[in-house]
């Protein structure tokens, strides 16, 4: 089962009533894991959403005559005559979803907080109809709620053909109010400036961006399989909601803390010269890793294009995740000019981004589906190396930060074209120029041994 658990609390940290609510929500989240496991299939780009013998052209043709084929909430199967038919999630998982909905209604009955009560009741209903706008709007009103809970089919990473089908996921956590306030101030400073967009691009302005930093208790389904440091919802496919109601990005403190200790900092020690290590103490780097997660998710709201997924198909996330990192560095450079960010912080952000790239490469053995994230970092590494921003000095590397910023500026212009205007075929040809294994083959020795997380 795809479940990941953390225990950030002592029994006395939560009231008796809160523990009762968490028990119901935990049971609901755990039930979602089976649904996700029925969807995923790492051996096939279309997971279990499409027949493995169906061609791209066949699926596109069938989708034109029957829109349910490419609905985000259907499985595609062959009928007895060999044709393609769509089976809705609510039909395939009717029994399981009724159980989950019942648990959500029971949790709602225990909840005194009005926004959370309304959200849980709405989500229970929506799970049974495969339409989530009503409960998403209700969830967007829970940004200050103590208990944070997401459940349903949202992220599309395992559909590598169309980046269309949504996978089931759930997480459960408790709001860290003080860290949230601190990161809220930082996020507001980052998002204060307007961006310019390429002519002809169909972009959407997100009306409002809220943040939650949570002590996460449990991940289930896709978010247990994809160990993100945070997540932004509603889905990037629901731009009509982003435009009118905004979004919330949630930072997962346990994953941020664990990844820095087990991976980011050891990579930093292994990769960079003693001179660099002495300039940037651990506690400052750890603080920057948390900020980098906030920067990454905040920047998702700066580059939403209505037609990006239809143009790029399964290649969309390869560019989407890389572009947010590049925009983050560029945005913080702007803050530097305004006196809201320091040279040291810009340098640490670049160092963290490089170390995170090697984490994703090291994580591929356990999480091969993270290829989309690793590919973006392979592109960045290629440009840093060819631009002589990252240079080997004896056994370790040194970095020219001036050159690194020039590389980020150059590469962000290239990637922005694909996000704003690029097509599937040209995106495919571009990505072929940066093979992951060839780019990273000389970096294996800098990555800690052990299981990624």
Protein backbone atom coordinates (compact mmCIF):
# COMPACT_ATOMS: atom_id res chain seq x y z
CA UNK A 1 0.00 0.00 0.00
CA UNK A 2 1.17 3.53 -0.78
CA UNK A 3 1.12 5.06 2.71
CA UNK A 4 3.75 7.17 4.48
CA UNK A 5 3.37 7.98 8.20
CA UNK A 6 4.94 10.53 10.52
CA UNK A 7 4.42 11.08 14.26
CA UNK A 8 5.11 14.77 14.97
CA UNK A 9 2.83 14.94 18.02
CA UNK A 10 2.68 13.73 21.58
CA UNK A 11 -0.75 12.54 22.84
CA UNK A 12 -1.18 15.71 24.91
CA UNK A 13 -0.71 18.02 21.92
CA UNK A 14 -4.25 17.38 20.65
CA UNK A 15 -7.60 17.40 22.41
CA UNK A 16 -9.73 14.26 22.79
CA UNK A 17 -12.14 15.59 20.15
CA UNK A 18 -9.30 16.38 17.72
CA UNK A 19 -7.91 12.87 18.13
CA UNK A 20 -11.36 11.44 17.32
CA UNK A 21 -11.50 13.53 14.14
CA UNK A 22 -7.98 12.51 13.14
CA UNK A 23 -8.88 8.84 13.62
CA UNK A 24 -11.77 9.12 11.15
CA UNK A 25 -9.69 11.07 8.64
CA UNK A 26 -6.78 8.63 8.97
CA UNK A 27 -9.08 5.73 8.12
CA UNK A 28 -10.41 7.60 5.10
CA UNK A 29 -6.90 8.49 3.88
CA UNK A 30 -5.69 4.91 4.29
CA UNK A 31 -8.61 3.65 2.20
CA UNK A 32 -7.54 5.87 -0.70
CA UNK A 33 -4.24 4.00 -1.05
CA UNK A 34 -5.95 0.99 -2.67
CA UNK A 35 -7.55 3.21 -5.30
CA UNK A 36 -4.21 4.76 -6.22
CA UNK A 37 -2.50 1.38 -6.33
CA UNK A 38 -5.15 0.32 -8.86
CA UNK A 39 -4.26 3.30 -11.03
CA UNK A 40 -0.47 3.18 -11.06
CA UNK A 41 1.65 1.02 -13.35
CA UNK A 42 5.32 2.07 -13.58
CA UNK A 43 5.88 -0.23 -16.57
CA UNK A 44 3.62 1.81 -18.85
CA UNK A 45 3.54 5.56 -19.56
CA UNK A 46 -0.25 5.54 -19.36
CA UNK A 47 -0.26 3.75 -15.99
CA UNK A 48 -3.47 1.70 -15.76
CA UNK A 49 -5.58 4.51 -17.20
CA UNK A 50 -5.34 3.29 -20.80
CA UNK A 51 -4.89 -0.11 -22.51
CA UNK A 52 -1.16 -0.68 -22.93
CA UNK A 53 -1.71 -1.61 -26.61
CA UNK A 54 -3.57 1.62 -27.42
CA UNK A 55 -1.63 4.09 -29.56
CA UNK A 56 -1.57 7.83 -28.99
CA UNK A 57 -3.42 8.38 -32.26
CA UNK A 58 -6.09 5.82 -31.35
CA UNK A 59 -6.69 7.45 -27.98
CA UNK A 60 -6.86 10.95 -29.46
CA UNK A 61 -9.31 9.80 -32.14
CA UNK A 62 -11.52 8.04 -29.60
CA UNK A 63 -11.38 11.13 -27.36
CA UNK A 64 -12.80 13.29 -30.14
CA UNK A 65 -15.85 11.06 -30.57
CA UNK A 66 -16.26 10.36 -26.85
CA UNK A 67 -14.91 13.11 -24.53
CA UNK A 68 -15.16 10.73 -21.54
CA UNK A 69 -12.15 8.86 -22.95
CA UNK A 70 -9.92 11.78 -21.98
CA UNK A 71 -11.89 12.82 -18.92
CA UNK A 72 -9.66 13.26 -15.85
CA UNK A 73 -11.86 10.81 -13.93
CA UNK A 74 -12.14 7.70 -16.14
CA UNK A 75 -10.29 4.51 -16.92
CA UNK A 76 -10.13 3.57 -20.61
CA UNK A 77 -10.72 -0.09 -21.45
CA UNK A 78 -11.48 -2.14 -24.55
CA UNK A 79 -14.96 -3.56 -25.05
CA UNK A 80 -15.65 -7.02 -26.47
CA UNK A 81 -15.26 -5.71 -30.02
CA UNK A 82 -11.91 -4.09 -29.29
CA UNK A 83 -13.17 -0.52 -29.17
CA UNK A 84 -12.27 1.96 -26.45
CA UNK A 85 -14.76 2.74 -23.68
CA UNK A 86 -14.58 4.93 -20.57
CA UNK A 87 -15.33 3.68 -17.05
CA UNK A 88 -15.80 6.47 -14.48
CA UNK A 89 -13.91 6.31 -11.20
CA UNK A 90 -17.21 6.56 -9.32
CA UNK A 91 -18.35 3.35 -11.02
CA UNK A 92 -15.11 1.39 -10.75
CA UNK A 93 -14.65 2.32 -7.08
CA UNK A 94 -18.27 2.74 -6.00
CA UNK A 95 -18.05 0.53 -2.90
CA UNK A 96 -14.72 1.97 -1.72
CA UNK A 97 -15.79 5.57 -2.27
CA UNK A 98 -19.02 5.08 -0.34
CA UNK A 99 -16.93 3.88 2.62
CA UNK A 100 -14.62 6.90 2.40
CA UNK A 101 -17.56 9.30 2.07
CA UNK A 102 -19.16 7.82 5.19
CA UNK A 103 -15.96 8.39 7.18
CA UNK A 104 -15.80 12.00 6.01
CA UNK A 105 -19.38 12.62 7.09
CA UNK A 106 -18.63 11.10 10.49
CA UNK A 107 -15.58 13.37 10.84
CA UNK A 108 -17.70 16.38 9.80
CA UNK A 109 -20.22 15.55 12.51
CA UNK A 110 -17.39 15.70 15.09
CA UNK A 111 -16.01 18.99 13.75
CA UNK A 112 -17.06 22.28 15.34
CA UNK A 113 -15.10 24.45 12.91
CA UNK A 114 -17.58 25.60 10.25
CA UNK A 115 -15.24 25.82 7.21
CA UNK A 116 -13.82 22.33 7.85
CA UNK A 117 -17.30 20.88 8.47
CA UNK A 118 -18.59 22.34 5.19
CA UNK A 119 -15.53 21.09 3.29
CA UNK A 120 -15.71 17.51 4.61
CA UNK A 121 -19.43 17.22 3.80
CA UNK A 122 -18.90 18.64 0.31
CA UNK A 123 -15.92 16.39 -0.39
CA UNK A 124 -17.90 13.33 0.74
CA UNK A 125 -20.55 14.21 -1.86
CA UNK A 126 -18.08 15.02 -4.63
CA UNK A 127 -16.17 11.74 -4.27
CA UNK A 128 -19.35 9.97 -5.42
CA UNK A 129 -19.97 12.12 -8.51
CA UNK A 130 -16.43 12.72 -9.88
CA UNK A 131 -16.84 16.49 -9.81
CA UNK A 132 -14.83 18.48 -7.29
CA UNK A 133 -15.44 22.20 -7.86
CA UNK A 134 -17.88 22.55 -4.96
CA UNK A 135 -15.61 20.89 -2.41
CA UNK A 136 -12.50 22.60 -3.80
CA UNK A 137 -14.11 25.98 -3.25
CA UNK A 138 -15.07 24.91 0.26
CA UNK A 139 -11.52 23.70 0.93
CA UNK A 140 -10.06 27.05 -0.13
CA UNK A 141 -11.88 28.57 2.86
CA UNK A 142 -10.03 26.28 5.32
CA UNK A 143 -6.59 27.90 5.00
CA UNK A 144 -6.60 28.81 8.71
CA UNK A 145 -8.06 25.52 9.98
CA UNK A 146 -6.01 23.64 12.55
CA UNK A 147 -6.45 20.24 10.87
CA UNK A 148 -5.44 20.09 7.23
CA UNK A 149 -6.91 17.29 5.12
CA UNK A 150 -6.92 16.59 1.41
CA UNK A 151 -8.50 13.57 -0.24
CA UNK A 152 -9.47 12.82 -3.83
CA UNK A 153 -8.03 12.47 -7.35
CA UNK A 154 -5.93 15.52 -8.17
CA UNK A 155 -2.33 15.31 -9.40
CA UNK A 156 -1.64 13.93 -12.87
CA UNK A 157 2.00 12.85 -12.74
CA UNK A 158 1.47 9.15 -13.47
CA UNK A 159 -0.33 9.86 -16.76
CA UNK A 160 2.77 10.39 -18.88
CA UNK A 161 0.86 10.22 -22.17
CA UNK A 162 -1.58 13.12 -21.84
CA UNK A 163 -0.92 14.41 -18.30
CA UNK A 164 -4.69 14.28 -17.98
CA UNK A 165 -5.88 11.48 -15.69
CA UNK A 166 -5.91 12.34 -12.00
CA UNK A 167 -4.57 10.00 -9.33
CA UNK A 168 -6.04 9.48 -5.87
CA UNK A 169 -4.16 10.97 -2.95
CA UNK A 170 -4.65 12.10 0.62
CA UNK A 171 -2.71 13.85 3.33
CA UNK A 172 -3.47 14.74 6.91
CA UNK A 173 -1.64 17.28 9.05
CA UNK A 174 -1.87 19.99 11.68
CA UNK A 175 -1.15 23.66 10.97
CA UNK A 176 2.11 25.11 12.31
CA UNK A 177 0.80 28.60 12.93
CA UNK A 178 4.07 30.38 13.74
CA UNK A 179 6.02 28.99 10.78
CA UNK A 180 3.05 29.66 8.51
CA UNK A 181 3.00 33.32 9.56
CA UNK A 182 6.74 33.61 8.94
CA UNK A 183 6.53 31.99 5.49
CA UNK A 184 3.40 34.02 4.64
CA UNK A 185 5.40 37.23 5.01
CA UNK A 186 8.15 35.81 2.82
CA UNK A 187 5.66 34.60 0.19
CA UNK A 188 3.95 37.99 0.05
CA UNK A 189 7.27 39.74 -0.55
CA UNK A 190 8.12 37.27 -3.33
CA UNK A 191 4.80 37.64 -5.18
CA UNK A 192 4.52 41.43 -4.96
CA UNK A 193 5.85 42.12 -8.48
CA UNK A 194 4.08 41.51 -11.79
CA UNK A 195 5.58 39.37 -14.57
CA UNK A 196 5.71 39.98 -18.29
CA UNK A 197 4.41 37.20 -20.56
CA UNK A 198 5.35 36.23 -24.10
CA UNK A 199 3.15 37.69 -26.81
CA UNK A 200 0.43 35.21 -27.79
CA UNK A 201 0.62 33.25 -24.52
CA UNK A 202 -2.70 32.32 -22.91
CA UNK A 203 -1.91 32.97 -19.27
CA UNK A 204 -4.08 33.14 -16.18
CA UNK A 205 -3.62 35.49 -13.24
CA UNK A 206 -4.19 33.63 -9.97
CA UNK A 207 -6.48 35.75 -7.79
CA UNK A 208 -5.04 34.78 -4.39
CA UNK A 209 -2.26 32.51 -3.11
CA UNK A 210 -2.42 31.23 0.46
CA UNK A 211 0.11 29.11 2.33
CA UNK A 212 -0.03 26.47 5.06
CA UNK A 213 2.99 24.92 6.77
CA UNK A 214 1.88 21.63 8.33
CA UNK A 215 3.17 18.97 10.67
CA UNK A 216 2.04 16.16 8.44
CA UNK A 217 0.84 12.94 10.03
CA UNK A 218 0.06 10.78 7.02
CA UNK A 219 0.41 10.66 3.24
CA UNK A 220 -1.56 8.19 1.14
CA UNK A 221 -1.79 7.40 -2.54
CA UNK A 222 0.18 9.51 -5.00
CA UNK A 223 1.65 11.85 -2.39
CA UNK A 224 3.12 8.86 -0.54
CA UNK A 225 4.69 7.66 -3.80
CA UNK A 226 5.91 11.13 -4.80
CA UNK A 227 7.66 12.53 -1.70
CA UNK A 228 7.01 16.22 -2.34
CA UNK A 229 8.11 18.92 0.09
CA UNK A 230 4.81 20.63 -0.64
CA UNK A 231 1.76 20.63 -2.89
CA UNK A 232 -0.39 23.30 -4.56
CA UNK A 233 -4.13 22.84 -5.03
CA UNK A 234 -6.55 23.07 -6.74
CA UNK A 235 -4.83 21.17 -9.54
CA UNK A 236 -3.12 23.21 -12.23
CA UNK A 237 -5.81 21.84 -14.56
CA UNK A 238 -8.47 23.74 -12.60
CA UNK A 239 -7.42 27.19 -13.74
CA UNK A 240 -10.98 28.48 -13.60
CA UNK A 241 -10.79 28.00 -9.82
CA UNK A 242 -7.33 29.58 -9.57
CA UNK A 243 -8.57 32.61 -11.47
CA UNK A 244 -11.68 33.17 -9.36
CA UNK A 245 -10.88 31.68 -5.95
CA UNK A 246 -7.08 31.36 -5.79
CA UNK A 247 -4.99 28.48 -4.45
CA UNK A 248 -3.33 27.14 -1.32
CA UNK A 249 0.09 25.57 -1.23
CA UNK A 250 0.92 23.35 1.70
CA UNK A 251 4.48 22.78 2.90
CA UNK A 252 5.12 19.41 4.57
CA UNK A 253 7.51 20.03 7.46
CA UNK A 254 8.43 16.36 8.16
CA UNK A 255 9.55 15.80 4.57
CA UNK A 256 11.43 19.11 4.43
CA UNK A 257 13.26 18.28 7.66
CA UNK A 258 14.01 14.66 6.75
CA UNK A 259 15.17 15.40 3.21
CA UNK A 260 17.53 18.13 4.32
CA UNK A 261 19.15 15.95 7.00
CA UNK A 262 19.39 12.74 4.98
CA UNK A 263 20.08 14.11 1.52
CA UNK A 264 20.48 17.82 0.87
CA UNK A 265 23.11 18.58 3.50
CA UNK A 266 25.16 15.38 2.92
CA UNK A 267 25.17 16.14 -0.83
CA UNK A 268 26.30 19.68 -0.08
CA UNK A 269 29.19 18.32 2.05
CA UNK A 270 30.19 15.75 -0.57
CA UNK A 271 29.88 17.98 -3.63
CA UNK A 272 31.28 21.40 -2.78
CA UNK A 273 34.74 22.58 -1.85
CA UNK A 274 35.78 23.25 1.74
CA UNK A 275 35.82 26.97 1.00
CA UNK A 276 32.13 26.90 0.08
CA UNK A 277 31.23 24.68 3.03
CA UNK A 278 32.86 27.08 5.47
CA UNK A 279 30.95 30.06 4.09
CA UNK A 280 27.46 28.60 4.54
CA UNK A 281 26.62 27.07 7.95
CA UNK A 282 24.18 24.21 8.24
CA UNK A 283 21.47 26.12 10.10
CA UNK A 284 21.31 28.79 7.39
CA UNK A 285 21.15 26.19 4.64
CA UNK A 286 18.37 24.34 6.44
CA UNK A 287 16.36 27.56 6.75
CA UNK A 288 16.92 28.22 3.05
CA UNK A 289 15.72 24.72 2.12
CA UNK A 290 12.38 25.48 3.77
CA UNK A 291 12.29 28.85 2.00
CA UNK A 292 13.17 27.19 -1.31
CA UNK A 293 10.10 24.96 -0.97
CA UNK A 294 7.96 28.05 -0.39
CA UNK A 295 9.60 29.80 -3.36
CA UNK A 296 8.99 26.81 -5.64
CA UNK A 297 5.29 26.50 -4.84
CA UNK A 298 4.68 30.24 -4.80
CA UNK A 299 6.14 30.49 -8.29
CA UNK A 300 3.65 27.94 -9.61
CA UNK A 301 1.09 30.74 -9.36
CA UNK A 302 3.20 33.03 -11.56
CA UNK A 303 3.13 30.93 -14.72
CA UNK A 304 -0.24 29.36 -15.36
CA UNK A 305 -1.11 28.94 -19.04
CA UNK A 306 -4.57 27.72 -20.06
CA UNK A 307 -3.37 25.61 -22.99
CA UNK A 308 0.00 24.34 -21.72
CA UNK A 309 -1.16 20.80 -20.98
CA UNK A 310 -2.99 20.38 -24.29
CA UNK A 311 0.06 21.67 -26.20
CA UNK A 312 2.73 19.72 -24.31
CA UNK A 313 0.77 16.64 -23.24
CA UNK A 314 2.84 14.31 -21.07
CA UNK A 315 5.86 16.61 -21.39
CA UNK A 316 4.17 19.41 -19.43
CA UNK A 317 5.58 18.51 -15.96
CA UNK A 318 9.15 18.25 -17.29
CA UNK A 319 9.06 21.98 -18.05
CA UNK A 320 6.64 23.05 -15.31
CA UNK A 321 8.79 21.95 -12.37
CA UNK A 322 12.05 23.26 -13.84
CA UNK A 323 10.50 26.61 -14.72
CA UNK A 324 9.28 27.23 -11.17
CA UNK A 325 12.82 26.71 -9.84
CA UNK A 326 14.25 29.10 -12.41
CA UNK A 327 11.55 31.69 -11.75
CA UNK A 328 12.23 31.40 -8.04
CA UNK A 329 15.90 32.28 -8.44
CA UNK A 330 15.08 35.12 -10.81
CA UNK A 331 12.38 36.43 -8.49
CA UNK A 332 14.73 36.43 -5.51
CA UNK A 333 17.30 38.29 -7.59
CA UNK A 334 14.67 41.00 -8.03
CA UNK A 335 14.18 41.01 -4.25
CA UNK A 336 17.94 41.47 -3.91
CA UNK A 337 17.71 44.69 -5.92
CA UNK A 338 14.92 45.86 -3.59
CA UNK A 339 16.90 45.03 -0.47
CA UNK A 340 14.51 42.23 0.58
CA UNK A 341 17.01 39.43 -0.12
CA UNK A 342 20.76 39.22 0.41
CA UNK A 343 23.60 38.02 -1.81
CA UNK A 344 24.21 35.22 0.67
CA UNK A 345 20.59 34.07 0.43
CA UNK A 346 20.69 34.07 -3.40
CA UNK A 347 23.87 31.99 -3.29
CA UNK A 348 22.38 29.51 -0.80
CA UNK A 349 19.25 29.18 -2.96
CA UNK A 350 21.41 28.26 -5.96
CA UNK A 351 23.37 25.75 -3.87
CA UNK A 352 20.17 24.18 -2.52
CA UNK A 353 18.72 23.92 -6.04
CA UNK A 354 21.84 22.07 -7.24
CA UNK A 355 21.78 19.68 -4.27
CA UNK A 356 18.08 19.04 -4.77
CA UNK A 357 18.78 18.10 -8.38
CA UNK A 358 21.20 15.41 -7.24
CA UNK A 359 18.63 14.22 -4.69
CA UNK A 360 16.13 13.61 -7.51
CA UNK A 361 18.73 11.72 -9.52
CA UNK A 362 19.59 9.57 -6.50
CA UNK A 363 15.89 8.98 -5.82
CA UNK A 364 15.24 7.52 -9.28
CA UNK A 365 16.18 4.01 -8.18
CA UNK A 366 13.40 3.93 -5.60
CA UNK A 367 11.03 6.36 -7.34
CA UNK A 368 11.46 5.92 -11.12
CA UNK A 369 8.33 8.02 -11.67
CA UNK A 370 10.33 11.07 -10.50
CA UNK A 371 11.97 11.14 -13.94
CA UNK A 372 9.96 14.27 -14.79
CA UNK A 373 11.66 16.19 -11.96
CA UNK A 374 15.09 14.69 -12.60
CA UNK A 375 14.95 15.57 -16.30
CA UNK A 376 14.47 19.25 -15.52
CA UNK A 377 17.47 19.24 -13.23
CA UNK A 378 19.52 17.42 -15.88
CA UNK A 379 18.86 20.36 -18.20
CA UNK A 380 19.91 22.83 -15.51
CA UNK A 381 23.10 20.86 -14.74
CA UNK A 382 24.00 20.73 -18.43
CA UNK A 383 23.73 24.51 -18.69
CA UNK A 384 25.63 25.10 -15.44
CA UNK A 385 28.47 22.82 -16.55
CA UNK A 386 28.66 24.06 -20.15
CA UNK A 387 28.41 27.66 -18.93
CA UNK A 388 31.32 27.02 -16.51
CA UNK A 389 29.20 28.08 -13.56
CA UNK A 390 29.84 24.70 -11.92
CA UNK A 391 33.47 23.60 -12.19
CA UNK A 392 35.36 20.71 -10.70
CA UNK A 393 38.31 21.66 -8.51
CA UNK A 394 40.33 18.61 -7.49
CA UNK A 395 37.79 16.17 -6.01
CA UNK A 396 34.94 18.62 -5.41
CA UNK A 397 33.16 21.47 -7.15
CA UNK A 398 33.28 25.20 -6.88
CA UNK A 399 30.67 27.58 -8.25
CA UNK A 400 30.76 30.93 -9.98
CA UNK A 401 27.53 32.54 -8.79
CA UNK A 402 27.67 35.32 -11.36
CA UNK A 403 27.81 32.77 -14.17
CA UNK A 404 25.09 30.70 -12.47
CA UNK A 405 22.71 33.67 -12.53
CA UNK A 406 23.49 34.23 -16.21
CA UNK A 407 22.70 30.56 -16.87
CA UNK A 408 19.40 30.81 -14.97
CA UNK A 409 18.41 33.88 -16.98
CA UNK A 410 19.30 32.21 -20.29
CA UNK A 411 17.62 28.91 -19.49
CA UNK A 412 14.46 30.48 -18.08
CA UNK A 413 13.91 32.27 -21.41
CA UNK A 414 14.23 28.95 -23.26
CA UNK A 415 11.92 27.04 -20.92
CA UNK A 416 9.38 29.87 -20.87
CA UNK A 417 8.89 29.46 -24.61
CA UNK A 418 7.86 25.83 -24.15
CA UNK A 419 5.56 26.67 -21.24
CA UNK A 420 3.91 29.55 -23.07
CA UNK A 421 3.86 28.48 -26.71
CA UNK A 422 5.71 25.19 -27.30
CA UNK A 423 4.21 22.05 -28.86
CA UNK A 424 4.56 18.37 -27.93
CA UNK A 425 6.87 17.39 -30.81
CA UNK A 426 9.36 20.19 -30.32
CA UNK A 427 9.32 19.62 -26.56
CA UNK A 428 10.21 15.97 -27.17
CA UNK A 429 13.12 16.90 -29.42
CA UNK A 430 14.42 19.43 -26.88
CA UNK A 431 14.38 16.95 -23.98
CA UNK A 432 16.28 14.33 -26.00
CA UNK A 433 19.32 16.62 -25.96
CA UNK A 434 19.74 16.17 -22.20
CA UNK A 435 19.84 12.45 -21.28
CA UNK A 436 19.65 12.00 -17.52
CA UNK A 437 22.24 9.26 -17.11
CA UNK A 438 24.82 10.94 -19.32
CA UNK A 439 24.42 14.28 -17.54
CA UNK A 440 24.68 12.86 -14.02
CA UNK A 441 27.02 9.89 -14.51
CA UNK A 442 29.99 11.66 -12.92
CA UNK A 443 27.97 12.74 -9.86
CA UNK A 444 27.06 9.33 -8.42
CA UNK A 445 29.82 9.43 -5.83
CA UNK A 446 28.45 12.63 -4.30
CA UNK A 447 25.03 11.12 -3.53
CA UNK A 448 24.58 9.38 -0.14
CA UNK A 449 23.88 5.68 -0.16
CA UNK A 450 20.54 4.51 1.16
CA UNK A 451 16.85 4.79 0.36
CA UNK A 452 15.55 8.11 -0.88
CA UNK A 453 12.59 9.74 0.78
